Amino acid sequence: MKIRFNNICRPPIKKTFLQTERRRGFTLIELLIVIAIIGILGALAAGTYGRTYIIKARLTEATNSMATVASAVTSYYQEKDSFPANIQTNMIQNSLGIALPNWTTTARFSKMEVLNGVITATVDRIADSVDGRTLVLRPTTNSNGAIKWDWDRTNSTIQTSYIPKR
């Protein structure tokens, strides 16, 4: 049995002036440059996505508190057949009988009020881009007396990208 080494045993081919050798594939430098560009773009995208994700996560506490107040306002409406006229942050627990986070130190809102059923919260301690802005949750009723709650995108002063979809 004879073993052949095709590439090793052949003598080199001499090329004339007009003949060129074709390269296949990429060089190591080209691959490293592409990997570096992809890494830089990924770092930029992750930073922007990370900030948005953190703000939305922190806003969840405020929106959950507003949803709890909305449940209490719904109960109030079903009992009295009207929405509460004007309830401020410190009266929500006493008037509606629900507990909210300690809004003076830990809550993600500095003020929450209910005015004729419309719940408005001023967000705080989240990020400079949203602090001091408001989220508005508005009820609508149908002929059967059912209440549907919607986030009011026109009267909320927070960026619409941070307002929950439902």
Protein backbone atom coordinates (compact mmCIF):
# COMPACT_ATOMS: atom_id res chain seq x y z
CA MET A 1 0.00 0.00 0.00
CA LYS A 2 1.42 3.26 -1.10
CA ILE A 3 0.66 6.50 0.83
CA ARG A 4 0.47 9.71 -1.15
CA PHE A 5 0.95 13.19 0.16
CA ASN A 6 -0.44 15.23 -2.67
CA ASN A 7 0.32 18.71 -1.42
CA ILE A 8 3.59 17.94 0.29
CA CYS A 9 5.31 15.93 -2.40
CA ARG A 10 4.51 18.15 -5.36
CA PRO A 11 7.05 20.65 -6.42
CA PRO A 12 5.89 24.28 -6.31
CA ILE A 13 4.29 25.58 -9.49
CA LYS A 14 5.98 28.54 -11.02
CA LYS A 15 3.62 31.33 -11.96
CA THR A 16 4.10 33.68 -14.80
CA PHE A 17 3.71 37.45 -14.52
CA LEU A 18 0.00 37.54 -15.50
CA GLN A 19 -1.12 34.65 -13.37
CA THR A 20 -2.47 35.46 -9.91
CA GLU A 21 -3.33 33.17 -7.06
CA ARG A 22 -6.91 33.22 -5.81
CA ARG A 23 -7.42 33.54 -2.07
CA ARG A 24 -10.32 31.87 -0.35
CA GLY A 25 -11.79 32.94 3.02
CA PHE A 26 -10.93 35.85 5.28
CA THR A 27 -7.75 36.79 7.02
CA LEU A 28 -7.52 36.83 10.78
CA ILE A 29 -7.35 40.65 10.84
CA GLU A 30 -10.58 40.95 8.83
CA LEU A 31 -12.38 38.60 11.20
CA LEU A 32 -11.12 40.46 14.27
CA ILE A 33 -12.29 43.81 12.86
CA VAL A 34 -15.77 42.45 12.20
CA ILE A 35 -15.97 40.96 15.70
CA ALA A 36 -14.86 44.28 17.23
CA ILE A 37 -17.52 46.24 15.29
CA ILE A 38 -20.24 43.80 16.35
CA GLY A 39 -19.07 44.07 19.97
CA ILE A 40 -19.20 47.87 19.93
CA LEU A 41 -22.69 47.93 18.40
CA GLY A 42 -23.88 45.35 20.92
CA ALA A 43 -22.56 47.39 23.84
CA LEU A 44 -24.34 50.51 22.62
CA ALA A 45 -27.64 48.68 22.14
CA ALA A 46 -27.42 46.93 25.52
CA GLY A 47 -26.89 50.23 27.34
CA THR A 48 -29.96 51.84 25.80
CA TYR A 49 -32.09 48.74 26.29
CA GLY A 50 -30.89 48.37 29.88
CA ARG A 51 -31.90 51.91 30.88
CA THR A 52 -35.35 51.54 29.34
CA TYR A 53 -35.86 48.16 30.99
CA ILE A 54 -34.88 49.51 34.43
CA ILE A 55 -37.28 52.47 34.13
CA LYS A 56 -40.15 50.20 33.05
CA ALA A 57 -39.42 47.80 35.91
CA ARG A 58 -39.46 50.62 38.46
CA LEU A 59 -42.67 52.04 36.99
CA THR A 60 -44.34 48.70 37.61
CA GLU A 61 -44.64 49.52 41.32
CA ALA A 62 -46.52 52.74 40.55
CA THR A 63 -48.79 51.08 37.98
CA ASN A 64 -49.55 48.18 40.34
CA SER A 65 -50.50 50.65 43.08
CA MET A 66 -52.74 52.47 40.61
CA ALA A 67 -54.39 49.17 39.63
CA THR A 68 -55.08 48.46 43.31
CA VAL A 69 -56.69 51.88 43.70
CA ALA A 70 -58.68 51.23 40.50
CA SER A 71 -60.13 48.06 42.08
CA ALA A 72 -61.17 50.05 45.14
CA VAL A 73 -62.70 52.80 42.97
CA THR A 74 -64.63 50.12 41.07
CA SER A 75 -66.04 48.78 44.34
CA TYR A 76 -66.91 52.32 45.42
CA TYR A 77 -68.72 52.91 42.10
CA GLN A 78 -70.69 49.67 42.39
CA GLU A 79 -71.85 50.55 45.92
CA LYS A 80 -72.60 54.28 45.45
CA ASP A 81 -73.30 54.42 41.68
CA SER A 82 -70.84 57.31 41.32
CA PHE A 83 -67.10 57.80 41.36
CA PRO A 84 -65.35 59.31 44.39
CA ALA A 85 -65.13 63.09 43.99
CA ASN A 86 -61.66 63.94 45.31
CA ILE A 87 -59.34 61.67 47.29
CA GLN A 88 -55.70 62.60 47.93
CA THR A 89 -52.74 60.26 48.58
CA ASN A 90 -52.97 60.29 52.36
CA MET A 91 -56.75 59.67 52.29
CA ILE A 92 -56.71 56.69 49.89
CA GLN A 93 -56.09 54.15 52.65
CA ASN A 94 -58.75 55.63 54.95
CA SER A 95 -61.42 56.32 52.31
CA LEU A 96 -61.00 53.33 50.03
CA GLY A 97 -59.61 50.84 52.55
CA ILE A 98 -56.48 49.79 50.66
CA ALA A 99 -52.83 49.86 51.60
CA LEU A 100 -50.23 51.58 49.46
CA PRO A 101 -46.46 51.55 49.86
CA ASN A 102 -45.08 54.22 52.18
CA TRP A 103 -45.31 57.01 49.62
CA THR A 104 -43.11 59.41 51.57
CA THR A 105 -39.98 57.24 51.52
CA THR A 106 -40.14 54.10 49.38
CA ALA A 107 -42.98 54.33 46.88
CA ARG A 108 -42.27 55.09 43.23
CA PHE A 109 -44.77 57.95 43.29
CA SER A 110 -44.84 61.18 45.27
CA LYS A 111 -48.54 61.86 44.89
CA MET A 112 -51.62 59.89 43.91
CA GLU A 113 -55.14 61.26 43.70
CA VAL A 114 -58.57 60.16 42.56
CA LEU A 115 -60.71 62.88 41.03
CA ASN A 116 -64.14 61.78 39.77
CA GLY A 117 -62.78 58.28 39.19
CA VAL A 118 -59.66 59.37 37.28
CA ILE A 119 -56.51 58.15 39.05
CA THR A 120 -53.42 60.33 38.61
CA ALA A 121 -50.00 59.44 40.02
CA THR A 122 -46.91 61.63 39.97
CA VAL A 123 -43.94 59.27 39.65
CA ASP A 124 -40.82 59.78 41.74
CA ARG A 125 -37.55 58.02 42.62
CA ILE A 126 -37.34 56.21 39.27
CA ALA A 127 -35.07 58.15 36.87
CA ASP A 128 -34.47 61.80 36.07
CA SER A 129 -36.19 61.43 32.71
CA VAL A 130 -39.54 60.45 34.29
CA ASP A 131 -39.50 61.86 37.83
CA GLY A 132 -42.21 64.46 38.37
CA ARG A 133 -44.28 63.30 35.40
CA THR A 134 -47.78 61.88 35.70
CA LEU A 135 -49.52 58.64 34.78
CA VAL A 136 -53.30 58.79 34.33
CA LEU A 137 -55.68 55.84 34.58
CA ARG A 138 -59.18 56.69 33.34
CA PRO A 139 -62.41 54.69 33.77
CA THR A 140 -65.14 54.37 31.17
CA THR A 141 -68.52 52.83 31.88
CA ASN A 142 -70.98 51.20 29.53
CA SER A 143 -74.77 50.99 29.72
CA ASN A 144 -74.59 47.87 31.91
CA GLY A 145 -72.48 49.69 34.51
CA ALA A 146 -69.29 47.75 33.73
CA ILE A 147 -66.08 49.73 34.13
CA LYS A 148 -63.14 49.52 31.76
CA TRP A 149 -59.85 51.09 32.82
CA ASP A 150 -57.51 52.57 30.21
CA TRP A 151 -54.18 54.36 30.45
CA ASP A 152 -54.77 57.93 29.30
CA ARG A 153 -51.97 58.64 26.82
CA THR A 154 -53.10 62.21 26.07
CA ASN A 155 -53.22 63.52 29.65
CA SER A 156 -50.23 61.56 30.99
CA THR A 157 -47.04 63.61 30.91
CA ILE A 158 -44.72 60.59 31.00
CA GLN A 159 -43.24 59.40 27.70
CA THR A 160 -45.70 57.16 25.87
CA SER A 161 -43.10 54.40 25.53
CA TYR A 162 -43.26 53.91 29.33
CA ILE A 163 -47.07 53.82 29.59
CA PRO A 164 -48.35 50.23 29.93
CA LYS A 165 -50.17 48.81 26.92
CA ARG A 166 -53.04 47.42 29.03
